[in-house]
Structures are given as structure tokens and as C-alpha cells.
Protein backbone atom coordinates (compact mmCIF):
# COMPACT_ATOMS: atom_id res chain seq x y z
CA UNK A 1 -0.11 0.09 0.03
CA UNK A 2 1.37 3.32 -0.99
CA UNK A 3 2.24 6.29 1.54
CA UNK A 4 1.58 9.80 1.06
CA UNK A 5 3.63 11.66 -1.47
CA UNK A 6 7.18 12.88 -0.48
CA UNK A 7 6.11 16.41 -1.01
CA UNK A 8 2.50 17.28 0.21
CA UNK A 9 1.53 20.82 -0.40
CA UNK A 10 0.95 23.33 2.57
CA UNK A 11 -2.30 24.77 0.61
CA UNK A 12 -4.89 23.31 -1.64
CA UNK A 13 -4.89 24.27 -5.12
CA UNK A 14 -6.78 23.63 -8.43
CA UNK A 15 -5.73 20.90 -10.63
CA UNK A 16 -7.30 20.60 -14.28
CA UNK A 17 -8.25 17.25 -15.45
CA UNK A 18 -5.81 17.30 -18.22
CA UNK A 19 -3.13 17.90 -16.01
CA UNK A 20 -4.24 15.11 -13.45
CA UNK A 21 -4.14 12.43 -16.33
CA UNK A 22 -0.54 12.32 -15.99
CA UNK A 23 -0.46 11.25 -12.49
CA UNK A 24 -2.98 8.60 -12.72
CA UNK A 25 -0.54 6.11 -13.55
CA UNK A 26 -1.35 2.24 -13.32
CA UNK A 27 1.12 1.92 -10.29
CA UNK A 28 -1.03 4.62 -8.55
CA UNK A 29 -4.27 3.01 -9.43
CA UNK A 30 -2.87 -0.50 -8.16
CA UNK A 31 -1.73 1.01 -4.99
CA UNK A 32 2.05 0.04 -5.66
CA UNK A 33 3.74 3.55 -6.09
CA UNK A 34 3.12 7.19 -5.59
CA UNK A 35 4.40 10.24 -7.38
CA UNK A 36 6.67 12.33 -5.45
CA UNK A 37 4.52 15.25 -5.49
CA UNK A 38 7.01 17.92 -6.82
CA UNK A 39 6.16 17.59 -10.62
CA UNK A 40 2.49 17.90 -9.66
CA UNK A 41 2.87 20.96 -7.84
CA UNK A 42 4.39 22.70 -11.09
CA UNK A 43 0.98 22.22 -12.89
CA UNK A 44 -1.58 23.73 -10.31
CA UNK A 45 -3.45 26.92 -10.09
CA UNK A 46 -3.00 28.49 -6.56
CA UNK A 47 -5.79 29.66 -4.35
CA UNK A 48 -5.78 32.83 -2.55
CA UNK A 49 -2.95 33.08 0.20
CA UNK A 50 -5.09 35.02 2.61
CA UNK A 51 -7.95 32.32 2.94
CA UNK A 52 -7.24 29.97 5.83
CA UNK A 53 -9.76 27.35 4.35
CA UNK A 54 -7.00 26.21 1.88
CA UNK A 55 -4.48 24.93 4.53
CA UNK A 56 -3.75 21.42 3.89
CA UNK A 57 -2.83 20.64 7.71
CA UNK A 58 -6.23 19.95 9.23
CA UNK A 59 -7.58 17.86 6.00
CA UNK A 60 -4.45 15.58 6.08
CA UNK A 61 -4.82 14.86 9.95
CA UNK A 62 -8.41 13.78 9.52
CA UNK A 63 -7.64 11.35 6.78
CA UNK A 64 -4.68 10.07 8.89
CA UNK A 65 -6.98 9.54 11.70
CA UNK A 66 -9.66 7.91 9.47
CA UNK A 67 -6.97 5.37 8.28
CA UNK A 68 -5.88 4.43 11.54
CA UNK A 69 -9.47 4.39 13.23
CA UNK A 70 -11.27 2.44 10.61
CA UNK A 71 -8.55 0.19 9.14
CA UNK A 72 -10.51 -3.10 9.81
CA UNK A 73 -13.86 -1.50 8.42
CA UNK A 74 -12.82 0.94 5.74
CA UNK A 75 -16.34 1.70 4.44
CA UNK A 76 -16.98 2.89 7.85
CA UNK A 77 -14.96 5.84 7.57
CA UNK A 78 -17.31 7.57 5.44
CA UNK A 79 -19.95 8.31 7.89
CA UNK A 80 -16.98 9.62 10.20
CA UNK A 81 -15.37 11.75 7.77
CA UNK A 82 -18.11 13.19 5.81
CA UNK A 83 -19.42 15.52 8.40
CA UNK A 84 -15.68 16.36 9.56
CA UNK A 85 -14.54 17.12 6.10
CA UNK A 86 -17.38 19.38 5.38
CA UNK A 87 -17.14 21.26 8.63
CA UNK A 88 -13.26 21.52 8.09
CA UNK A 89 -13.46 22.46 4.20
CA UNK A 90 -16.28 25.08 4.56
CA UNK A 91 -17.17 25.64 0.97
CA UNK A 92 -20.11 27.53 -0.93
CA UNK A 93 -21.85 25.21 -3.46
CA UNK A 94 -20.22 27.01 -6.15
CA UNK A 95 -16.66 26.12 -4.93
CA UNK A 96 -17.53 22.76 -4.28
CA UNK A 97 -18.72 22.07 -7.87
CA UNK A 98 -15.21 22.81 -9.08
CA UNK A 99 -13.84 19.46 -9.63
CA UNK A 100 -10.44 20.89 -10.10
CA UNK A 101 -10.37 21.41 -6.05
CA UNK A 102 -11.13 17.60 -5.53
CA UNK A 103 -8.61 16.48 -8.30
CA UNK A 104 -5.84 18.40 -6.05
CA UNK A 105 -6.99 17.01 -2.64
CA UNK A 106 -7.13 13.40 -4.10
CA UNK A 107 -3.87 13.41 -6.10
CA UNK A 108 -1.63 16.07 -4.33
CA UNK A 109 -2.81 15.78 -0.62
CA UNK A 110 -4.21 12.48 -0.03
CA UNK A 111 -3.66 9.79 -2.74
CA UNK A 112 -2.97 7.30 -0.03
CA UNK A 113 -6.44 7.67 1.39
CA UNK A 114 -8.04 7.19 -1.94
CA UNK A 115 -6.10 3.97 -2.40
CA UNK A 116 -6.86 3.01 1.16
CA UNK A 117 -10.41 3.48 0.85
CA UNK A 118 -11.29 2.35 -2.62
CA UNK A 119 -8.66 -0.32 -3.61
CA UNK A 120 -11.10 -3.10 -4.89
CA UNK A 121 -10.27 -6.76 -3.66
CA UNK A 122 -11.38 -8.27 -6.68
CA UNK A 123 -9.38 -6.33 -9.28
CA UNK A 124 -6.97 -5.11 -6.90
CA UNK A 125 -7.22 -1.64 -8.52
CA UNK A 126 -8.71 1.63 -7.74
CA UNK A 127 -11.29 3.24 -10.09
CA UNK A 128 -9.67 6.32 -11.93
CA UNK A 129 -12.96 8.06 -10.95
CA UNK A 130 -12.16 7.99 -7.22
CA UNK A 131 -9.31 10.35 -8.04
CA UNK A 132 -11.01 12.44 -10.84
CA UNK A 133 -14.63 11.74 -11.49
CA UNK A 134 -18.03 13.08 -11.09
CA UNK A 135 -19.41 14.15 -7.77
CA UNK A 136 -21.08 10.83 -6.64
CA UNK A 137 -18.05 8.93 -7.50
CA UNK A 138 -14.87 10.96 -6.56
CA UNK A 139 -13.46 9.81 -3.20
CA UNK A 140 -13.71 13.39 -1.47
CA UNK A 141 -16.42 15.29 -3.30
CA UNK A 142 -19.17 12.30 -2.66
CA UNK A 143 -18.39 12.75 1.21
CA UNK A 144 -18.68 16.55 1.00
CA UNK A 145 -21.79 16.56 -1.04
CA UNK A 146 -23.48 14.08 1.00
CA UNK A 147 -22.92 16.01 4.17
CA UNK A 148 -24.25 19.16 2.39
CA UNK A 149 -27.44 17.38 0.96
CA UNK A 150 -28.16 15.19 4.34
CA UNK A 151 -27.37 17.66 6.96
CA UNK A 152 -30.38 19.15 8.81
CA UNK A 153 -29.25 22.89 9.39
CA UNK A 154 -26.32 22.65 11.75
CA UNK A 155 -27.04 18.87 12.62
CA UNK A 156 -24.77 16.31 11.02
CA UNK A 157 -26.52 13.48 12.71
CA UNK A 158 -28.51 12.65 9.60
CA UNK A 159 -25.22 12.77 7.47
CA UNK A 160 -23.96 9.75 9.66
CA UNK A 161 -26.82 7.65 8.96
CA UNK A 162 -26.91 8.36 5.20
CA UNK A 163 -23.25 7.83 4.88
CA UNK A 164 -23.49 4.54 6.74
CA UNK A 165 -25.13 3.07 3.78
CA UNK A 166 -23.20 2.99 0.59
CA UNK A 167 -26.29 2.37 -1.42
CA UNK A 168 -27.81 5.37 -0.60
CA UNK A 169 -24.80 7.57 -1.52
CA UNK A 170 -24.43 5.83 -4.89
CA UNK A 171 -28.26 5.94 -5.74
CA UNK A 172 -29.49 9.26 -4.22
CA UNK A 173 -26.32 11.47 -4.86
CA UNK A 174 -27.30 11.30 -8.82
CA UNK A 175 -31.01 12.29 -7.95
CA UNK A 176 -31.96 15.89 -8.30
CA UNK A 177 -34.74 15.44 -5.59
CA UNK A 178 -32.32 15.08 -2.86
CA UNK A 179 -31.60 18.66 -2.91
CA UNK A 180 -35.22 18.96 -1.32
CA UNK A 181 -34.14 18.90 2.24
CA UNK A 182 -37.44 17.26 3.56
CA UNK A 183 -36.89 14.57 0.80
CA UNK A 184 -33.20 13.86 2.30
CA UNK A 185 -34.57 13.89 6.00
CA UNK A 186 -37.20 11.53 5.03
CA UNK A 187 -35.08 9.19 3.51
CA UNK A 188 -32.87 9.17 6.32
CA UNK A 189 -35.77 8.41 8.66
CA UNK A 190 -36.80 5.41 6.65
CA UNK A 191 -33.22 4.11 6.95
CA UNK A 192 -33.17 4.63 10.92
CA UNK A 193 -36.53 2.81 10.95
CA UNK A 194 -35.29 -0.10 9.21
CA UNK A 195 -38.25 0.36 6.63
CA UNK A 196 -35.59 0.46 3.93
CA UNK A 197 -32.35 -1.35 4.03
CA UNK A 198 -30.93 -3.16 1.37
CA UNK A 199 -29.38 -1.70 -2.10
CA UNK A 200 -32.25 -3.15 -4.04
CA UNK A 201 -34.63 -1.46 -1.80
CA UNK A 202 -33.15 1.76 -1.86
CA UNK A 203 -32.87 1.55 -5.65
CA UNK A 204 -36.53 0.54 -5.84
CA UNK A 205 -37.68 3.52 -3.57
CA UNK A 206 -35.61 5.90 -5.49
CA UNK A 207 -37.24 4.89 -8.92
CA UNK A 208 -40.71 5.23 -7.15
CA UNK A 209 -40.01 8.60 -5.82
CA UNK A 210 -38.63 9.82 -9.06
CA UNK A 211 -41.92 8.49 -10.95
CA UNK A 212 -44.13 10.12 -8.31
CA UNK A 213 -42.18 13.41 -8.49
CA UNK A 214 -43.13 13.74 -12.33
CA UNK A 215 -46.80 14.35 -11.30
CA UNK A 216 -46.40 15.48 -7.72
CA UNK A 217 -44.59 18.68 -6.71
CA UNK A 218 -42.91 17.75 -3.41
CA UNK A 219 -42.64 21.40 -2.21
CA UNK A 220 -46.70 21.45 -2.08
CA UNK A 221 -46.82 18.28 0.02
CA UNK A 222 -43.68 19.30 2.30
CA UNK A 223 -42.48 22.80 1.74
CA UNK A 224 -39.01 23.80 2.44
CA UNK A 225 -38.04 27.17 3.68
CA UNK A 226 -35.40 28.98 1.75
CA UNK A 227 -32.07 29.16 3.49
CA UNK A 228 -30.52 32.46 4.73
CA UNK A 229 -27.34 32.95 2.66
CA UNK A 230 -25.88 35.26 5.29
CA UNK A 231 -25.65 32.46 7.81
CA UNK A 232 -23.68 30.32 5.59
CA UNK A 233 -21.32 33.35 4.77
CA UNK A 234 -20.89 33.85 8.44
CA UNK A 235 -19.98 30.30 8.87
CA UNK A 236 -17.47 30.10 6.14
CA UNK A 237 -15.95 33.42 7.39
CA UNK A 238 -15.71 31.66 10.80
CA UNK A 239 -13.13 29.01 9.19
CA UNK A 240 -10.35 31.75 9.66
CA UNK A 241 -10.38 31.14 13.46
CA UNK A 242 -12.19 27.77 13.63
CA UNK A 243 -10.33 25.24 15.84
CA UNK A 244 -10.02 21.85 14.40
CA UNK A 245 -12.94 19.59 14.47
CA UNK A 246 -13.53 17.09 17.28
CA UNK A 247 -12.78 13.27 16.54
CA UNK A 248 -15.25 12.21 19.06
CA UNK A 249 -18.27 14.19 18.88
CA UNK A 250 -20.01 15.48 15.64
CA UNK A 251 -19.29 19.18 14.62
CA UNK A 252 -21.79 21.62 13.79
CA UNK A 253 -22.65 22.96 10.49
CA UNK A 254 -23.79 26.50 9.47
CA UNK A 255 -26.50 27.90 11.82
CA UNK A 256 -29.38 27.47 9.60
CA UNK A 257 -32.74 26.51 10.51
CA UNK A 258 -33.57 22.79 10.35
CA UNK A 259 -36.00 21.17 8.05
CA UNK A 260 -39.78 21.81 9.32
CA UNK A 261 -40.81 18.67 11.28
CA UNK A 262 -44.28 18.70 9.63
CA UNK A 263 -42.72 18.55 6.20
CA UNK A 264 -40.24 15.60 7.03
CA UNK A 265 -43.18 13.79 8.82
CA UNK A 266 -45.26 14.15 5.59
CA UNK A 267 -42.89 12.66 3.33
CA UNK A 268 -41.67 9.99 5.36
CA UNK A 269 -45.11 8.69 5.56
CA UNK A 270 -45.71 9.08 1.80
CA UNK A 271 -42.46 7.70 0.91
CA UNK A 272 -43.33 4.55 3.09
CA UNK A 273 -46.73 4.01 1.30
CA UNK A 274 -44.77 4.56 -2.11
CA UNK A 275 -42.30 1.90 -1.10
CA UNK A 276 -44.96 -0.83 -0.49
CA UNK A 277 -45.27 -0.84 -4.11
CA UNK A 278 -41.92 0.29 -5.28
CA UNK A 279 -40.20 -2.01 -7.92
CA UNK A 280 -37.82 -3.78 -5.77
CA UNK A 281 -36.04 -6.67 -7.61
CA UNK A 282 -36.88 -10.12 -6.25
CA UNK A 283 -39.68 -8.84 -3.93
CA UNK A 284 -43.18 -10.06 -4.63
CA UNK A 285 -46.02 -7.61 -4.36
CA UNK A 286 -48.97 -9.00 -3.01
CA UNK A 287 -52.34 -8.18 -4.73
């Protein structure tokens, strides 16, 4: 298994896809060798020096602790790391949509974590998309976006539940409906209750939700109040002086109002009813 590069940058930067391609070697994807980091540092675009958010030290420390704590159950690292990565790397959604940031984090800062987390036992190879890929596949962007979409205001508790189920991340992060906060919280409640558990069940429910959404506007059934952008800006600004996140208790996210309880309850009930006739492969629906 590889270690971190000899040269780890002190600050995050932007790494284009074309520049990243040259460092996605077969040796790296097989977890056998890693670049030194020196040549990669020559092809990045720096981020503003006066923004403390781009410091690498706190992120590097988080991934080191995750590898130590979850070495015997590596998928379990997702639920632990997602909220802490989100609270450490305080981004706007526009910033988080820039793939160049995630390319740099995966290839320059923590390629050893990507290999540790995603090296396949069957193929003995990491998919290149874990380093440089879409938001629902890239090693770090998938965790950040899961935390952003499943947090309930400042509460990261639902993120732990969501990220504890790999099928939910893979299936739902590609679904536009998940940006509707009551929908995200309703899905978490169905998981917590044990109503929906397996990958087949999650896939079937997702199909049913999408189909119903074509004829039913969920904002009518479960309205969601607009977020106050000032609170997010304040939270991001506080990153300049924020201490490292706790390893033992969940951090707090932006001080935004949580999703309305009435809306979450309404959708949880509705989705549970949808699930009764959802197209779950292998399940027989009684007439």
C-alpha cells in the first residue's frame, strides 16, 4: 500500500483534469507507487493566500486519523469523515462544484487515502473516477456533497446515517430530488426505522420517488423554507479562526434553521406508502 507523497503541499490548489491525467498511473491505481508530488506542484493553479480554508494540515490530519481508526472496516470511514470534512473545508456550493479542487485534494494531498479506501479486493485496482470523477464517485467530493445535502441545518446526525449506507450515497446523490431538504431527511428516517435497508430496496424506492415526482410537486406536499445565505457566509468566514473539528463528537454546521418537522413527517409517511409498491427486484407484491 502506498504512503503519502514525499512532497505534500501546504495549501489546496486547483488541478485541471488534463493535468491530473499524467499522474493517474497504473502503479498509483494499483496502490503500488505514488508520485513524489514535486512535478504535480508545478501544474496547479494556486488559491488565494489570505484564505485559511485552503490550509492542508487539518484535512491531512483527518484522513490520517480515519485510516488509523477504520482500518478493519474501511467503509465505516465514510460516515465518520463526511461531516468532519464538510465542517473543516467550508465551501459554497459553487466552490464545491469545481472538480479541480477535488482533483488536487485526491492526487496531491491524500492519494494514499483514496487507495486505502477504494482499492478493490477483486480487481486490486482503484477506479480512476475515485481520483478524478463525478461528484457521486470522486473519493472526497462524494463525502462533502453527502454532508451538504443530508445535514439538517447545523445537525450532521443525518449525515452519519446516510453515509453509513453505501447504496444510498451511490443511488441518491445522482437524484436531483435530494436537494429538497425534506426529501433527504425523510429518506434518512426510513433508513433509521429499518423500513428501507438493502441496496435493492433503496434503488426501488428511488425509482418510485422519481416517478411520483413527475406528477407530484414535493414542495407542495412538504414545503421547504429558503435558506438564509448570510448564515452560510458567516459560517464560512468563521473558518479563519475555527479550531480543528472534534474526533469524538460531531461538529456543527452552518447555523441554519432545520427542516420543518411537519414537512419531514409528511414525506416520510408518503415515501413509506410508495415503498409498499416500489419495484424492488426479487420482491413479490401481493395483490
